[in-house]
Amino acid sequence: MYRSVKSVKPLDGYKLLIKFENGEEKIFDVSPYLNVGKFAELRNLSLFNSAAVRFDTVEWANHLDIDPEFLYEKSVKLEDEHITNRST
């Protein structure tokens, strides 16, 4: 099922807090992609923090975007992220 992005908030550690149209809030970790093509540009924190909702997904000021279905699939639920952070 297609889930569009309704809001995004850049977080420390190259993570995004994303709210999807179904009301779920999830965390997407961008850091594994920072050595891949144009994603390397996002190592610049100013650019990374430019993340905003455009159409139905996340887009940065350099016009890079990510498929919303990929974001949903690869994100972890907000509650799961808190548990993971506590255990490290």
N, C-alpha and C. Protein backbone atom coordinates (compact mmCIF):
# COMPACT_ATOMS: atom_id res chain seq x y z
N MET A 1 0.84 -1.19 0.00
CA MET A 1 0.00 0.00 0.00
C MET A 1 0.88 1.25 0.00
N TYR A 2 0.56 2.20 -0.84
CA TYR A 2 1.31 3.44 -0.97
C TYR A 2 1.01 4.36 0.20
N ARG A 3 2.06 4.82 0.88
CA ARG A 3 1.90 5.75 2.01
C ARG A 3 2.72 7.00 1.74
N SER A 4 2.06 8.11 1.59
CA SER A 4 2.78 9.35 1.32
C SER A 4 3.26 9.99 2.62
N VAL A 5 4.28 10.82 2.49
CA VAL A 5 4.88 11.53 3.62
C VAL A 5 4.07 12.79 3.88
N LYS A 6 3.73 13.02 5.13
CA LYS A 6 2.98 14.22 5.51
C LYS A 6 3.85 15.25 6.21
N SER A 7 4.90 14.80 6.93
CA SER A 7 5.83 15.74 7.56
C SER A 7 7.17 15.05 7.76
N VAL A 8 8.21 15.88 7.83
CA VAL A 8 9.57 15.37 8.05
C VAL A 8 10.32 16.35 8.95
N LYS A 9 11.13 15.80 9.84
CA LYS A 9 11.96 16.61 10.72
C LYS A 9 13.35 15.98 10.76
N PRO A 10 14.38 16.73 10.32
CA PRO A 10 15.75 16.22 10.43
C PRO A 10 16.16 16.10 11.90
N LEU A 11 16.85 15.02 12.22
CA LEU A 11 17.32 14.76 13.57
C LEU A 11 18.84 14.61 13.55
N ASP A 12 19.44 14.60 14.73
CA ASP A 12 20.88 14.34 14.84
C ASP A 12 21.19 12.96 14.28
N GLY A 13 22.44 12.77 13.88
CA GLY A 13 22.87 11.47 13.41
C GLY A 13 22.35 11.10 12.04
N TYR A 14 22.02 12.10 11.24
CA TYR A 14 21.52 11.89 9.88
C TYR A 14 20.27 11.01 9.86
N LYS A 15 19.37 11.30 10.77
CA LYS A 15 18.09 10.59 10.81
C LYS A 15 16.96 11.56 10.53
N LEU A 16 15.86 11.01 10.04
CA LEU A 16 14.66 11.80 9.76
C LEU A 16 13.49 11.24 10.54
N LEU A 17 12.75 12.11 11.18
CA LEU A 17 11.47 11.73 11.78
C LEU A 17 10.41 12.02 10.73
N ILE A 18 9.73 10.96 10.30
CA ILE A 18 8.76 11.08 9.21
C ILE A 18 7.38 10.67 9.70
N LYS A 19 6.40 11.49 9.39
CA LYS A 19 5.00 11.13 9.65
C LYS A 19 4.35 10.81 8.31
N PHE A 20 3.75 9.63 8.25
CA PHE A 20 3.11 9.17 7.02
C PHE A 20 1.61 9.44 7.08
N GLU A 21 0.96 9.35 5.92
CA GLU A 21 -0.46 9.68 5.82
C GLU A 21 -1.35 8.81 6.70
N ASN A 22 -0.88 7.63 7.07
CA ASN A 22 -1.68 6.76 7.94
C ASN A 22 -1.51 7.09 9.42
N GLY A 23 -0.74 8.17 9.71
CA GLY A 23 -0.54 8.62 11.09
C GLY A 23 0.68 8.03 11.76
N GLU A 24 1.33 7.05 11.14
CA GLU A 24 2.52 6.44 11.74
C GLU A 24 3.69 7.42 11.69
N GLU A 25 4.46 7.42 12.78
CA GLU A 25 5.70 8.18 12.83
C GLU A 25 6.84 7.18 12.88
N LYS A 26 7.80 7.38 11.96
CA LYS A 26 8.91 6.44 11.85
C LYS A 26 10.21 7.21 11.70
N ILE A 27 11.31 6.52 11.99
CA ILE A 27 12.65 7.10 11.86
C ILE A 27 13.35 6.43 10.68
N PHE A 28 13.87 7.27 9.78
CA PHE A 28 14.65 6.78 8.66
C PHE A 28 16.09 7.24 8.85
N ASP A 29 17.02 6.29 8.83
CA ASP A 29 18.44 6.57 9.00
C ASP A 29 19.07 6.75 7.62
N VAL A 30 19.50 7.96 7.33
CA VAL A 30 20.10 8.27 6.03
C VAL A 30 21.58 7.87 5.99
N SER A 31 22.22 7.73 7.15
CA SER A 31 23.67 7.54 7.20
C SER A 31 24.19 6.37 6.35
N PRO A 32 23.49 5.24 6.21
CA PRO A 32 24.03 4.17 5.35
C PRO A 32 24.14 4.55 3.87
N TYR A 33 23.50 5.62 3.48
CA TYR A 33 23.47 6.02 2.08
C TYR A 33 24.39 7.20 1.77
N LEU A 34 25.10 7.71 2.77
CA LEU A 34 25.89 8.92 2.60
C LEU A 34 27.14 8.75 1.75
N ASN A 35 27.45 7.53 1.35
CA ASN A 35 28.58 7.29 0.46
C ASN A 35 28.11 6.84 -0.93
N VAL A 36 26.84 7.04 -1.21
CA VAL A 36 26.25 6.58 -2.47
C VAL A 36 25.86 7.79 -3.33
N GLY A 37 26.57 7.97 -4.43
CA GLY A 37 26.21 8.99 -5.41
C GLY A 37 25.91 10.35 -4.82
N LYS A 38 24.80 10.92 -5.25
CA LYS A 38 24.39 12.26 -4.84
C LYS A 38 24.07 12.35 -3.34
N PHE A 39 23.79 11.21 -2.70
CA PHE A 39 23.52 11.21 -1.26
C PHE A 39 24.72 11.70 -0.46
N ALA A 40 25.93 11.58 -1.02
CA ALA A 40 27.14 12.06 -0.33
C ALA A 40 27.03 13.56 -0.03
N GLU A 41 26.31 14.30 -0.85
CA GLU A 41 26.13 15.73 -0.62
C GLU A 41 25.43 16.00 0.72
N LEU A 42 24.64 15.03 1.18
CA LEU A 42 23.88 15.23 2.42
C LEU A 42 24.75 15.18 3.67
N ARG A 43 26.04 14.87 3.52
CA ARG A 43 26.95 14.95 4.66
C ARG A 43 27.07 16.40 5.14
N ASN A 44 26.79 17.33 4.24
CA ASN A 44 26.73 18.74 4.60
C ASN A 44 25.47 18.94 5.44
N LEU A 45 25.66 19.23 6.73
CA LEU A 45 24.51 19.30 7.64
C LEU A 45 23.49 20.36 7.24
N SER A 46 23.97 21.45 6.69
CA SER A 46 23.04 22.50 6.25
C SER A 46 22.11 21.95 5.17
N LEU A 47 22.68 21.21 4.24
CA LEU A 47 21.88 20.60 3.18
C LEU A 47 20.98 19.51 3.75
N PHE A 48 21.53 18.66 4.61
CA PHE A 48 20.72 17.60 5.22
C PHE A 48 19.50 18.19 5.94
N ASN A 49 19.73 19.27 6.67
CA ASN A 49 18.65 19.90 7.44
C ASN A 49 17.64 20.64 6.58
N SER A 50 17.88 20.71 5.27
CA SER A 50 16.91 21.34 4.37
C SER A 50 15.78 20.39 3.98
N ALA A 51 15.78 19.19 4.52
CA ALA A 51 14.74 18.20 4.19
C ALA A 51 13.35 18.79 4.40
N ALA A 52 12.49 18.59 3.43
CA ALA A 52 11.12 19.09 3.49
C ALA A 52 10.23 18.15 2.68
N VAL A 53 8.94 18.27 2.91
CA VAL A 53 7.98 17.48 2.14
C VAL A 53 7.70 18.21 0.83
N ARG A 54 7.92 17.49 -0.26
CA ARG A 54 7.59 17.99 -1.60
C ARG A 54 6.73 16.92 -2.25
N PHE A 55 5.59 17.33 -2.72
CA PHE A 55 4.61 16.41 -3.28
C PHE A 55 4.26 15.38 -2.21
N ASP A 56 4.75 14.16 -2.29
CA ASP A 56 4.36 13.15 -1.30
C ASP A 56 5.55 12.47 -0.65
N THR A 57 6.73 13.12 -0.73
CA THR A 57 7.93 12.49 -0.18
C THR A 57 8.89 13.54 0.37
N VAL A 58 10.07 13.09 0.79
CA VAL A 58 11.10 13.97 1.33
C VAL A 58 12.00 14.42 0.18
N GLU A 59 12.28 15.72 0.16
CA GLU A 59 13.21 16.27 -0.82
C GLU A 59 14.11 17.28 -0.13
N TRP A 60 15.36 17.34 -0.59
CA TRP A 60 16.33 18.29 -0.06
C TRP A 60 16.52 19.43 -1.04
N ALA A 61 17.22 20.48 -0.60
CA ALA A 61 17.44 21.67 -1.42
C ALA A 61 18.21 21.38 -2.71
N ASN A 62 18.96 20.28 -2.76
CA ASN A 62 19.67 19.90 -3.99
C ASN A 62 18.80 19.08 -4.94
N HIS A 63 17.50 19.01 -4.63
CA HIS A 63 16.48 18.32 -5.45
C HIS A 63 16.56 16.80 -5.37
N LEU A 64 17.34 16.29 -4.45
CA LEU A 64 17.40 14.85 -4.20
C LEU A 64 16.16 14.45 -3.42
N ASP A 65 15.55 13.35 -3.82
CA ASP A 65 14.40 12.85 -3.07
C ASP A 65 14.50 11.33 -2.96
N ILE A 66 13.64 10.77 -2.13
CA ILE A 66 13.60 9.32 -1.92
C ILE A 66 12.16 8.86 -2.08
N ASP A 67 12.00 7.74 -2.73
CA ASP A 67 10.67 7.16 -2.92
C ASP A 67 9.98 6.97 -1.57
N PRO A 68 8.74 7.43 -1.41
CA PRO A 68 8.07 7.30 -0.11
C PRO A 68 7.84 5.85 0.32
N GLU A 69 7.67 4.95 -0.64
CA GLU A 69 7.50 3.54 -0.28
C GLU A 69 8.79 2.98 0.31
N PHE A 70 9.94 3.39 -0.24
CA PHE A 70 11.23 2.98 0.30
C PHE A 70 11.42 3.54 1.70
N LEU A 71 11.07 4.81 1.89
CA LEU A 71 11.17 5.43 3.22
C LEU A 71 10.34 4.66 4.23
N TYR A 72 9.12 4.31 3.85
CA TYR A 72 8.25 3.59 4.78
C TYR A 72 8.82 2.21 5.11
N GLU A 73 9.26 1.50 4.09
CA GLU A 73 9.75 0.14 4.27
C GLU A 73 11.03 0.10 5.11
N LYS A 74 11.93 1.05 4.90
CA LYS A 74 13.24 1.03 5.55
C LYS A 74 13.28 1.79 6.87
N SER A 75 12.20 2.43 7.23
CA SER A 75 12.14 3.17 8.50
C SER A 75 11.74 2.23 9.64
N VAL A 76 12.09 2.65 10.85
CA VAL A 76 11.67 1.89 12.03
C VAL A 76 10.64 2.72 12.78
N LYS A 77 9.73 2.02 13.43
CA LYS A 77 8.72 2.71 14.21
C LYS A 77 9.38 3.53 15.29
N LEU A 78 8.81 4.65 15.59
CA LEU A 78 9.37 5.57 16.58
C LEU A 78 9.64 4.86 17.90
N GLU A 79 8.73 4.02 18.34
CA GLU A 79 8.89 3.30 19.61
C GLU A 79 10.09 2.36 19.54
N ASP A 80 10.28 1.68 18.41
CA ASP A 80 11.39 0.74 18.23
C ASP A 80 12.73 1.48 18.24
N GLU A 81 12.77 2.67 17.67
CA GLU A 81 13.99 3.47 17.64
C GLU A 81 14.39 3.85 19.07
N HIS A 82 13.43 4.22 19.89
CA HIS A 82 13.74 4.59 21.29
C HIS A 82 14.30 3.39 22.03
N ILE A 83 13.77 2.23 21.80
CA ILE A 83 14.26 1.01 22.46
C ILE A 83 15.69 0.74 21.99
N THR A 84 15.94 0.88 20.70
CA THR A 84 17.27 0.65 20.15
C THR A 84 18.28 1.62 20.76
N ASN A 85 17.92 2.89 20.87
CA ASN A 85 18.82 3.89 21.42
C ASN A 85 19.14 3.63 22.89
N ARG A 86 18.21 3.10 23.64
CA ARG A 86 18.43 2.82 25.05
C ARG A 86 19.39 1.65 25.25
N SER A 87 19.38 0.71 24.32
CA SER A 87 20.20 -0.48 24.48
C SER A 87 21.65 -0.26 24.04
N THR A 88 21.95 0.85 23.40
CA THR A 88 23.31 1.10 22.94
C THR A 88 24.07 1.98 23.89
